[in-house]
Amino acid sequence: NSSSYPVLAQIEDPSGLVPYEMAEVK
């Protein structure tokens, strides 16, 4: 009953992020 659609997003400032970490997106 639920679907997930892959999205591509451009991160404005990636500083402080590490590769492959998970995030909650709103």
mmCIF file of all heavy atoms, coordinates in Angstrom:
data_MODEL
# 
_entry.id   MODEL 
# 
loop_
_atom_site.group_PDB 
_atom_site.id 
_atom_site.type_symbol 
_atom_site.label_atom_id 
_atom_site.label_alt_id 
_atom_site.label_comp_id 
_atom_site.label_asym_id 
_atom_site.label_entity_id 
_atom_site.label_seq_id 
_atom_site.pdbx_PDB_ins_code 
_atom_site.Cartn_x 
_atom_site.Cartn_y 
_atom_site.Cartn_z 
_atom_site.occupancy 
_atom_site.B_iso_or_equiv 
_atom_site.pdbx_formal_charge 
_atom_site.auth_seq_id 
_atom_site.auth_comp_id 
_atom_site.auth_asym_id 
_atom_site.auth_atom_id 
_atom_site.pdbx_PDB_model_num 
ATOM 1   N N   . ASN A 1 1  ? 0.811  -1.215 0.000   1.00 0.00 ? 1  ASN A N   1 
ATOM 2   C CA  . ASN A 1 1  ? 0.000  0.000  0.000   1.00 0.00 ? 1  ASN A CA  1 
ATOM 3   C C   . ASN A 1 1  ? 0.843  1.263  0.000   1.00 0.00 ? 1  ASN A C   1 
ATOM 4   O O   . ASN A 1 1  ? 0.315  2.355  0.151   1.00 0.00 ? 1  ASN A O   1 
ATOM 5   C CB  . ASN A 1 1  ? -0.925 0.012  1.223   1.00 0.00 ? 1  ASN A CB  1 
ATOM 6   C CG  . ASN A 1 1  ? -1.885 -1.147 1.193   1.00 0.00 ? 1  ASN A CG  1 
ATOM 7   O OD1 . ASN A 1 1  ? -2.427 -1.472 0.149   1.00 0.00 ? 1  ASN A OD1 1 
ATOM 8   N ND2 . ASN A 1 1  ? -2.077 -1.783 2.319   1.00 0.00 ? 1  ASN A ND2 1 
ATOM 9   N N   . SER A 1 2  ? 2.129  1.120  -0.148  1.00 0.00 ? 2  SER A N   1 
ATOM 10  C CA  . SER A 1 2  ? 3.029  2.259  -0.124  1.00 0.00 ? 2  SER A CA  1 
ATOM 11  C C   . SER A 1 2  ? 4.032  2.135  -1.256  1.00 0.00 ? 2  SER A C   1 
ATOM 12  O O   . SER A 1 2  ? 4.481  1.042  -1.570  1.00 0.00 ? 2  SER A O   1 
ATOM 13  C CB  . SER A 1 2  ? 3.759  2.311  1.226   1.00 0.00 ? 2  SER A CB  1 
ATOM 14  O OG  . SER A 1 2  ? 4.675  3.370  1.251   1.00 0.00 ? 2  SER A OG  1 
ATOM 15  N N   . SER A 1 3  ? 4.375  3.268  -1.852  1.00 0.00 ? 3  SER A N   1 
ATOM 16  C CA  . SER A 1 3  ? 5.354  3.272  -2.935  1.00 0.00 ? 3  SER A CA  1 
ATOM 17  C C   . SER A 1 3  ? 6.425  4.303  -2.644  1.00 0.00 ? 3  SER A C   1 
ATOM 18  O O   . SER A 1 3  ? 6.152  5.346  -2.076  1.00 0.00 ? 3  SER A O   1 
ATOM 19  C CB  . SER A 1 3  ? 4.690  3.629  -4.265  1.00 0.00 ? 3  SER A CB  1 
ATOM 20  O OG  . SER A 1 3  ? 3.725  2.668  -4.601  1.00 0.00 ? 3  SER A OG  1 
ATOM 21  N N   . SER A 1 4  ? 7.626  3.998  -3.062  1.00 0.00 ? 4  SER A N   1 
ATOM 22  C CA  . SER A 1 4  ? 8.739  4.932  -2.942  1.00 0.00 ? 4  SER A CA  1 
ATOM 23  C C   . SER A 1 4  ? 9.290  5.203  -4.329  1.00 0.00 ? 4  SER A C   1 
ATOM 24  O O   . SER A 1 4  ? 9.528  4.277  -5.101  1.00 0.00 ? 4  SER A O   1 
ATOM 25  C CB  . SER A 1 4  ? 9.849  4.343  -2.072  1.00 0.00 ? 4  SER A CB  1 
ATOM 26  O OG  . SER A 1 4  ? 9.413  4.148  -0.761  1.00 0.00 ? 4  SER A OG  1 
ATOM 27  N N   . TYR A 1 5  ? 9.481  6.486  -4.629  1.00 0.00 ? 5  TYR A N   1 
ATOM 28  C CA  . TYR A 1 5  ? 9.996  6.890  -5.917  1.00 0.00 ? 5  TYR A CA  1 
ATOM 29  C C   . TYR A 1 5  ? 11.386 7.487  -5.731  1.00 0.00 ? 5  TYR A C   1 
ATOM 30  O O   . TYR A 1 5  ? 11.548 8.433  -4.968  1.00 0.00 ? 5  TYR A O   1 
ATOM 31  C CB  . TYR A 1 5  ? 9.081  7.921  -6.575  1.00 0.00 ? 5  TYR A CB  1 
ATOM 32  C CG  . TYR A 1 5  ? 7.774  7.330  -7.007  1.00 0.00 ? 5  TYR A CG  1 
ATOM 33  C CD1 . TYR A 1 5  ? 6.732  7.145  -6.101  1.00 0.00 ? 5  TYR A CD1 1 
ATOM 34  C CD2 . TYR A 1 5  ? 7.581  6.934  -8.318  1.00 0.00 ? 5  TYR A CD2 1 
ATOM 35  C CE1 . TYR A 1 5  ? 5.536  6.591  -6.492  1.00 0.00 ? 5  TYR A CE1 1 
ATOM 36  C CE2 . TYR A 1 5  ? 6.383  6.380  -8.720  1.00 0.00 ? 5  TYR A CE2 1 
ATOM 37  C CZ  . TYR A 1 5  ? 5.366  6.214  -7.812  1.00 0.00 ? 5  TYR A CZ  1 
ATOM 38  O OH  . TYR A 1 5  ? 4.194  5.659  -8.205  1.00 0.00 ? 5  TYR A OH  1 
ATOM 39  N N   . PRO A 1 6  ? 12.391 6.937  -6.403  1.00 0.00 ? 6  PRO A N   1 
ATOM 40  C CA  . PRO A 1 6  ? 13.739 7.501  -6.296  1.00 0.00 ? 6  PRO A CA  1 
ATOM 41  C C   . PRO A 1 6  ? 13.759 8.950  -6.794  1.00 0.00 ? 6  PRO A C   1 
ATOM 42  O O   . PRO A 1 6  ? 13.095 9.287  -7.775  1.00 0.00 ? 6  PRO A O   1 
ATOM 43  C CB  . PRO A 1 6  ? 14.581 6.614  -7.208  1.00 0.00 ? 6  PRO A CB  1 
ATOM 44  C CG  . PRO A 1 6  ? 13.800 5.349  -7.341  1.00 0.00 ? 6  PRO A CG  1 
ATOM 45  C CD  . PRO A 1 6  ? 12.358 5.752  -7.247  1.00 0.00 ? 6  PRO A CD  1 
ATOM 46  N N   . VAL A 1 7  ? 14.494 9.780  -6.085  1.00 0.00 ? 7  VAL A N   1 
ATOM 47  C CA  . VAL A 1 7  ? 14.650 11.178 -6.479  1.00 0.00 ? 7  VAL A CA  1 
ATOM 48  C C   . VAL A 1 7  ? 16.132 11.517 -6.557  1.00 0.00 ? 7  VAL A C   1 
ATOM 49  O O   . VAL A 1 7  ? 16.954 10.889 -5.897  1.00 0.00 ? 7  VAL A O   1 
ATOM 50  C CB  . VAL A 1 7  ? 13.956 12.152 -5.498  1.00 0.00 ? 7  VAL A CB  1 
ATOM 51  C CG1 . VAL A 1 7  ? 12.465 11.919 -5.447  1.00 0.00 ? 7  VAL A CG1 1 
ATOM 52  C CG2 . VAL A 1 7  ? 14.557 12.061 -4.120  1.00 0.00 ? 7  VAL A CG2 1 
ATOM 53  N N   . LEU A 1 8  ? 16.439 12.492 -7.365  1.00 0.00 ? 8  LEU A N   1 
ATOM 54  C CA  . LEU A 1 8  ? 17.786 13.027 -7.457  1.00 0.00 ? 8  LEU A CA  1 
ATOM 55  C C   . LEU A 1 8  ? 17.705 14.466 -6.967  1.00 0.00 ? 8  LEU A C   1 
ATOM 56  O O   . LEU A 1 8  ? 16.829 15.224 -7.392  1.00 0.00 ? 8  LEU A O   1 
ATOM 57  C CB  . LEU A 1 8  ? 18.273 12.988 -8.901  1.00 0.00 ? 8  LEU A CB  1 
ATOM 58  C CG  . LEU A 1 8  ? 19.685 13.490 -9.166  1.00 0.00 ? 8  LEU A CG  1 
ATOM 59  C CD1 . LEU A 1 8  ? 20.715 12.628 -8.417  1.00 0.00 ? 8  LEU A CD1 1 
ATOM 60  C CD2 . LEU A 1 8  ? 19.972 13.475 -10.652 1.00 0.00 ? 8  LEU A CD2 1 
ATOM 61  N N   . ALA A 1 9  ? 18.593 14.823 -6.030  1.00 0.00 ? 9  ALA A N   1 
ATOM 62  C CA  . ALA A 1 9  ? 18.565 16.169 -5.472  1.00 0.00 ? 9  ALA A CA  1 
ATOM 63  C C   . ALA A 1 9  ? 19.966 16.749 -5.447  1.00 0.00 ? 9  ALA A C   1 
ATOM 64  O O   . ALA A 1 9  ? 20.950 16.033 -5.250  1.00 0.00 ? 9  ALA A O   1 
ATOM 65  C CB  . ALA A 1 9  ? 17.990 16.142 -4.060  1.00 0.00 ? 9  ALA A CB  1 
ATOM 66  N N   . GLN A 1 10 ? 20.042 18.036 -5.638  1.00 0.00 ? 10 GLN A N   1 
ATOM 67  C CA  . GLN A 1 10 ? 21.307 18.764 -5.583  1.00 0.00 ? 10 GLN A CA  1 
ATOM 68  C C   . GLN A 1 10 ? 21.421 19.400 -4.204  1.00 0.00 ? 10 GLN A C   1 
ATOM 69  O O   . GLN A 1 10 ? 20.605 20.232 -3.829  1.00 0.00 ? 10 GLN A O   1 
ATOM 70  C CB  . GLN A 1 10 ? 21.346 19.844 -6.662  1.00 0.00 ? 10 GLN A CB  1 
ATOM 71  C CG  . GLN A 1 10 ? 22.598 20.680 -6.664  1.00 0.00 ? 10 GLN A CG  1 
ATOM 72  C CD  . GLN A 1 10 ? 23.818 19.898 -7.095  1.00 0.00 ? 10 GLN A CD  1 
ATOM 73  O OE1 . GLN A 1 10 ? 23.762 19.114 -8.035  1.00 0.00 ? 10 GLN A OE1 1 
ATOM 74  N NE2 . GLN A 1 10 ? 24.914 20.096 -6.411  1.00 0.00 ? 10 GLN A NE2 1 
ATOM 75  N N   . ILE A 1 11 ? 22.432 18.971 -3.423  1.00 0.00 ? 11 ILE A N   1 
ATOM 76  C CA  . ILE A 1 11 ? 22.651 19.510 -2.081  1.00 0.00 ? 11 ILE A CA  1 
ATOM 77  C C   . ILE A 1 11 ? 23.374 20.844 -2.216  1.00 0.00 ? 11 ILE A C   1 
ATOM 78  O O   . ILE A 1 11 ? 24.406 20.938 -2.868  1.00 0.00 ? 11 ILE A O   1 
ATOM 79  C CB  . ILE A 1 11 ? 23.468 18.528 -1.221  1.00 0.00 ? 11 ILE A CB  1 
ATOM 80  C CG1 . ILE A 1 11 ? 22.696 17.215 -1.060  1.00 0.00 ? 11 ILE A CG1 1 
ATOM 81  C CG2 . ILE A 1 11 ? 23.793 19.141 0.136   1.00 0.00 ? 11 ILE A CG2 1 
ATOM 82  C CD1 . ILE A 1 11 ? 23.483 16.124 -0.386  1.00 0.00 ? 11 ILE A CD1 1 
ATOM 83  N N   . GLU A 1 12 ? 22.808 21.872 -1.585  1.00 0.00 ? 12 GLU A N   1 
ATOM 84  C CA  . GLU A 1 12 ? 23.374 23.214 -1.717  1.00 0.00 ? 12 GLU A CA  1 
ATOM 85  C C   . GLU A 1 12 ? 24.726 23.346 -1.026  1.00 0.00 ? 12 GLU A C   1 
ATOM 86  O O   . GLU A 1 12 ? 25.644 23.946 -1.564  1.00 0.00 ? 12 GLU A O   1 
ATOM 87  C CB  . GLU A 1 12 ? 22.385 24.247 -1.188  1.00 0.00 ? 12 GLU A CB  1 
ATOM 88  C CG  . GLU A 1 12 ? 21.133 24.331 -2.041  1.00 0.00 ? 12 GLU A CG  1 
ATOM 89  C CD  . GLU A 1 12 ? 20.097 25.278 -1.500  1.00 0.00 ? 12 GLU A CD  1 
ATOM 90  O OE1 . GLU A 1 12 ? 20.391 26.062 -0.584  1.00 0.00 ? 12 GLU A OE1 1 
ATOM 91  O OE2 . GLU A 1 12 ? 18.969 25.242 -2.016  1.00 0.00 ? 12 GLU A OE2 1 
ATOM 92  N N   . ASP A 1 13 ? 24.879 22.809 0.185   1.00 0.00 ? 13 ASP A N   1 
ATOM 93  C CA  . ASP A 1 13 ? 26.149 22.892 0.912   1.00 0.00 ? 13 ASP A CA  1 
ATOM 94  C C   . ASP A 1 13 ? 26.407 21.543 1.572   1.00 0.00 ? 13 ASP A C   1 
ATOM 95  O O   . ASP A 1 13 ? 25.882 21.260 2.643   1.00 0.00 ? 13 ASP A O   1 
ATOM 96  C CB  . ASP A 1 13 ? 26.093 23.997 1.961   1.00 0.00 ? 13 ASP A CB  1 
ATOM 97  C CG  . ASP A 1 13 ? 27.389 24.129 2.746   1.00 0.00 ? 13 ASP A CG  1 
ATOM 98  O OD1 . ASP A 1 13 ? 28.408 23.507 2.360   1.00 0.00 ? 13 ASP A OD1 1 
ATOM 99  O OD2 . ASP A 1 13 ? 27.389 24.852 3.760   1.00 0.00 ? 13 ASP A OD2 1 
ATOM 100 N N   . PRO A 1 14 ? 27.220 20.673 0.953   1.00 0.00 ? 14 PRO A N   1 
ATOM 101 C CA  . PRO A 1 14 ? 27.429 19.323 1.480   1.00 0.00 ? 14 PRO A CA  1 
ATOM 102 C C   . PRO A 1 14 ? 28.415 19.240 2.641   1.00 0.00 ? 14 PRO A C   1 
ATOM 103 O O   . PRO A 1 14 ? 28.688 18.157 3.136   1.00 0.00 ? 14 PRO A O   1 
ATOM 104 C CB  . PRO A 1 14 ? 27.951 18.559 0.268   1.00 0.00 ? 14 PRO A CB  1 
ATOM 105 C CG  . PRO A 1 14 ? 28.623 19.584 -0.565  1.00 0.00 ? 14 PRO A CG  1 
ATOM 106 C CD  . PRO A 1 14 ? 27.849 20.859 -0.351  1.00 0.00 ? 14 PRO A CD  1 
ATOM 107 N N   . SER A 1 15 ? 28.946 20.355 3.098   1.00 0.00 ? 15 SER A N   1 
ATOM 108 C CA  . SER A 1 15 ? 29.903 20.290 4.204   1.00 0.00 ? 15 SER A CA  1 
ATOM 109 C C   . SER A 1 15 ? 29.215 19.723 5.443   1.00 0.00 ? 15 SER A C   1 
ATOM 110 O O   . SER A 1 15 ? 28.062 20.022 5.726   1.00 0.00 ? 15 SER A O   1 
ATOM 111 C CB  . SER A 1 15 ? 30.498 21.673 4.497   1.00 0.00 ? 15 SER A CB  1 
ATOM 112 O OG  . SER A 1 15 ? 29.480 22.568 4.880   1.00 0.00 ? 15 SER A OG  1 
ATOM 113 N N   . GLY A 1 16 ? 29.928 18.889 6.169   1.00 0.00 ? 16 GLY A N   1 
ATOM 114 C CA  . GLY A 1 16 ? 29.368 18.255 7.353   1.00 0.00 ? 16 GLY A CA  1 
ATOM 115 C C   . GLY A 1 16 ? 28.657 16.943 7.063   1.00 0.00 ? 16 GLY A C   1 
ATOM 116 O O   . GLY A 1 16 ? 28.171 16.283 7.977   1.00 0.00 ? 16 GLY A O   1 
ATOM 117 N N   . LEU A 1 17 ? 28.590 16.537 5.805   1.00 0.00 ? 17 LEU A N   1 
ATOM 118 C CA  . LEU A 1 17 ? 27.961 15.272 5.426   1.00 0.00 ? 17 LEU A CA  1 
ATOM 119 C C   . LEU A 1 17 ? 29.038 14.265 5.057   1.00 0.00 ? 17 LEU A C   1 
ATOM 120 O O   . LEU A 1 17 ? 30.092 14.629 4.547   1.00 0.00 ? 17 LEU A O   1 
ATOM 121 C CB  . LEU A 1 17 ? 27.015 15.466 4.244   1.00 0.00 ? 17 LEU A CB  1 
ATOM 122 C CG  . LEU A 1 17 ? 25.848 16.425 4.466   1.00 0.00 ? 17 LEU A CG  1 
ATOM 123 C CD1 . LEU A 1 17 ? 25.074 16.608 3.174   1.00 0.00 ? 17 LEU A CD1 1 
ATOM 124 C CD2 . LEU A 1 17 ? 24.937 15.918 5.558   1.00 0.00 ? 17 LEU A CD2 1 
ATOM 125 N N   . VAL A 1 18 ? 28.747 12.996 5.323   1.00 0.00 ? 18 VAL A N   1 
ATOM 126 C CA  . VAL A 1 18 ? 29.672 11.937 4.937   1.00 0.00 ? 18 VAL A CA  1 
ATOM 127 C C   . VAL A 1 18 ? 28.971 11.033 3.917   1.00 0.00 ? 18 VAL A C   1 
ATOM 128 O O   . VAL A 1 18 ? 27.748 10.922 3.923   1.00 0.00 ? 18 VAL A O   1 
ATOM 129 C CB  . VAL A 1 18 ? 30.144 11.104 6.164   1.00 0.00 ? 18 VAL A CB  1 
ATOM 130 C CG1 . VAL A 1 18 ? 30.960 11.961 7.101   1.00 0.00 ? 18 VAL A CG1 1 
ATOM 131 C CG2 . VAL A 1 18 ? 28.981 10.497 6.899   1.00 0.00 ? 18 VAL A CG2 1 
ATOM 132 N N   . PRO A 1 19 ? 29.736 10.381 3.029   1.00 0.00 ? 19 PRO A N   1 
ATOM 133 C CA  . PRO A 1 19 ? 29.116 9.522  2.018   1.00 0.00 ? 19 PRO A CA  1 
ATOM 134 C C   . PRO A 1 19 ? 28.255 8.408  2.649   1.00 0.00 ? 19 PRO A C   1 
ATOM 135 O O   . PRO A 1 19 ? 28.617 7.842  3.676   1.00 0.00 ? 19 PRO A O   1 
ATOM 136 C CB  . PRO A 1 19 ? 30.309 8.923  1.275   1.00 0.00 ? 19 PRO A CB  1 
ATOM 137 C CG  . PRO A 1 19 ? 31.414 9.903  1.496   1.00 0.00 ? 19 PRO A CG  1 
ATOM 138 C CD  . PRO A 1 19 ? 31.181 10.466 2.863   1.00 0.00 ? 19 PRO A CD  1 
ATOM 139 N N   . TYR A 1 20 ? 27.128 8.146  2.044   1.00 0.00 ? 20 TYR A N   1 
ATOM 140 C CA  . TYR A 1 20 ? 26.205 7.056  2.370   1.00 0.00 ? 20 TYR A CA  1 
ATOM 141 C C   . TYR A 1 20 ? 25.482 7.208  3.709   1.00 0.00 ? 20 TYR A C   1 
ATOM 142 O O   . TYR A 1 20 ? 24.887 6.268  4.199   1.00 0.00 ? 20 TYR A O   1 
ATOM 143 C CB  . TYR A 1 20 ? 26.913 5.692  2.305   1.00 0.00 ? 20 TYR A CB  1 
ATOM 144 C CG  . TYR A 1 20 ? 27.559 5.449  0.969   1.00 0.00 ? 20 TYR A CG  1 
ATOM 145 C CD1 . TYR A 1 20 ? 28.929 5.507  0.827   1.00 0.00 ? 20 TYR A CD1 1 
ATOM 146 C CD2 . TYR A 1 20 ? 26.775 5.200  -0.155  1.00 0.00 ? 20 TYR A CD2 1 
ATOM 147 C CE1 . TYR A 1 20 ? 29.531 5.307  -0.404  1.00 0.00 ? 20 TYR A CE1 1 
ATOM 148 C CE2 . TYR A 1 20 ? 27.362 5.000  -1.381  1.00 0.00 ? 20 TYR A CE2 1 
ATOM 149 C CZ  . TYR A 1 20 ? 28.734 5.049  -1.501  1.00 0.00 ? 20 TYR A CZ  1 
ATOM 150 O OH  . TYR A 1 20 ? 29.313 4.850  -2.722  1.00 0.00 ? 20 TYR A OH  1 
ATOM 151 N N   . GLU A 1 21 ? 25.538 8.369  4.334   1.00 0.00 ? 21 GLU A N   1 
ATOM 152 C CA  . GLU A 1 21 ? 24.764 8.511  5.564   1.00 0.00 ? 21 GLU A CA  1 
ATOM 153 C C   . GLU A 1 21 ? 23.302 8.690  5.192   1.00 0.00 ? 21 GLU A C   1 
ATOM 154 O O   . GLU A 1 21 ? 22.959 9.145  4.116   1.00 0.00 ? 21 GLU A O   1 
ATOM 155 C CB  . GLU A 1 21 ? 25.278 9.661  6.428   1.00 0.00 ? 21 GLU A CB  1 
ATOM 156 C CG  . GLU A 1 21 ? 25.024 11.057 5.909   1.00 0.00 ? 21 GLU A CG  1 
ATOM 157 C CD  . GLU A 1 21 ? 25.563 12.105 6.869   1.00 0.00 ? 21 GLU A CD  1 
ATOM 158 O OE1 . GLU A 1 21 ? 25.192 12.082 8.045   1.00 0.00 ? 21 GLU A OE1 1 
ATOM 159 O OE2 . GLU A 1 21 ? 26.370 12.934 6.420   1.00 0.00 ? 21 GLU A OE2 1 
ATOM 160 N N   . MET A 1 22 ? 22.428 8.295  6.089   1.00 0.00 ? 22 MET A N   1 
ATOM 161 C CA  . MET A 1 22 ? 20.999 8.371  5.842   1.00 0.00 ? 22 MET A CA  1 
ATOM 162 C C   . MET A 1 22 ? 20.461 9.679  6.399   1.00 0.00 ? 22 MET A C   1 
ATOM 163 O O   . MET A 1 22 ? 20.987 10.221 7.360   1.00 0.00 ? 22 MET A O   1 
ATOM 164 C CB  . MET A 1 22 ? 20.295 7.185  6.469   1.00 0.00 ? 22 MET A CB  1 
ATOM 165 C CG  . MET A 1 22 ? 20.760 5.864  5.849   1.00 0.00 ? 22 MET A CG  1 
ATOM 166 S SD  . MET A 1 22 ? 19.911 4.440  6.510   1.00 0.00 ? 22 MET A SD  1 
ATOM 167 C CE  . MET A 1 22 ? 18.321 4.660  5.804   1.00 0.00 ? 22 MET A CE  1 
ATOM 168 N N   . ALA A 1 23 ? 19.374 10.151 5.771   1.00 0.00 ? 23 ALA A N   1 
ATOM 169 C CA  . ALA A 1 23 ? 18.797 11.419 6.188   1.00 0.00 ? 23 ALA A CA  1 
ATOM 170 C C   . ALA A 1 23 ? 17.281 11.343 6.104   1.00 0.00 ? 23 ALA A C   1 
ATOM 171 O O   . ALA A 1 23 ? 16.717 10.596 5.309   1.00 0.00 ? 23 ALA A O   1 
ATOM 172 C CB  . ALA A 1 23 ? 19.305 12.548 5.311   1.00 0.00 ? 23 ALA A CB  1 
ATOM 173 N N   . GLU A 1 24 ? 16.644 12.109 6.956   1.00 0.00 ? 24 GLU A N   1 
ATOM 174 C CA  . GLU A 1 24 ? 15.193 12.293 6.888   1.00 0.00 ? 24 GLU A CA  1 
ATOM 175 C C   . GLU A 1 24 ? 14.952 13.536 6.049   1.00 0.00 ? 24 GLU A C   1 
ATOM 176 O O   . GLU A 1 24 ? 15.540 14.583 6.307   1.00 0.00 ? 24 GLU A O   1 
ATOM 177 C CB  . GLU A 1 24 ? 14.610 12.482 8.279   1.00 0.00 ? 24 GLU A CB  1 
ATOM 178 C CG  . GLU A 1 24 ? 13.120 12.762 8.266   1.00 0.00 ? 24 GLU A CG  1 
ATOM 179 C CD  . GLU A 1 24 ? 12.563 12.972 9.659   1.00 0.00 ? 24 GLU A CD  1 
ATOM 180 O OE1 . GLU A 1 24 ? 13.270 12.713 10.644  1.00 0.00 ? 24 GLU A OE1 1 
ATOM 181 O OE2 . GLU A 1 24 ? 11.411 13.404 9.752   1.00 0.00 ? 24 GLU A OE2 1 
ATOM 182 N N   . VAL A 1 25 ? 14.109 13.418 5.030   1.00 0.00 ? 25 VAL A N   1 
ATOM 183 C CA  . VAL A 1 25 ? 13.883 14.523 4.106   1.00 0.00 ? 25 VAL A CA  1 
ATOM 184 C C   . VAL A 1 25 ? 12.441 15.009 4.231   1.00 0.00 ? 25 VAL A C   1 
ATOM 185 O O   . VAL A 1 25 ? 11.509 14.217 4.251   1.00 0.00 ? 25 VAL A O   1 
ATOM 186 C CB  . VAL A 1 25 ? 14.160 14.081 2.650   1.00 0.00 ? 25 VAL A CB  1 
ATOM 187 C CG1 . VAL A 1 25 ? 13.876 15.204 1.676   1.00 0.00 ? 25 VAL A CG1 1 
ATOM 188 C CG2 . VAL A 1 25 ? 15.590 13.583 2.509   1.00 0.00 ? 25 VAL A CG2 1 
ATOM 189 N N   . LYS A 1 26 ? 12.289 16.314 4.311   1.00 0.00 ? 26 LYS A N   1 
ATOM 190 C CA  . LYS A 1 26 ? 10.966 16.947 4.312   1.00 0.00 ? 26 LYS A CA  1 
ATOM 191 C C   . LYS A 1 26 ? 10.955 17.945 3.169   1.00 0.00 ? 26 LYS A C   1 
ATOM 192 O O   . LYS A 1 26 ? 11.929 18.658 2.959   1.00 0.00 ? 26 LYS A O   1 
ATOM 193 C CB  . LYS A 1 26 ? 10.711 17.662 5.633   1.00 0.00 ? 26 LYS A CB  1 
ATOM 194 C CG  . LYS A 1 26 ? 10.621 16.713 6.801   1.00 0.00 ? 26 LYS A CG  1 
ATOM 195 C CD  . LYS A 1 26 ? 10.325 17.455 8.069   1.00 0.00 ? 26 LYS A CD  1 
ATOM 196 C CE  . LYS A 1 26 ? 10.275 16.445 9.214   1.00 0.00 ? 26 LYS A CE  1 
ATOM 197 N NZ  . LYS A 1 26 ? 10.005 17.093 10.486  1.00 0.00 ? 26 LYS A NZ  1 
# 
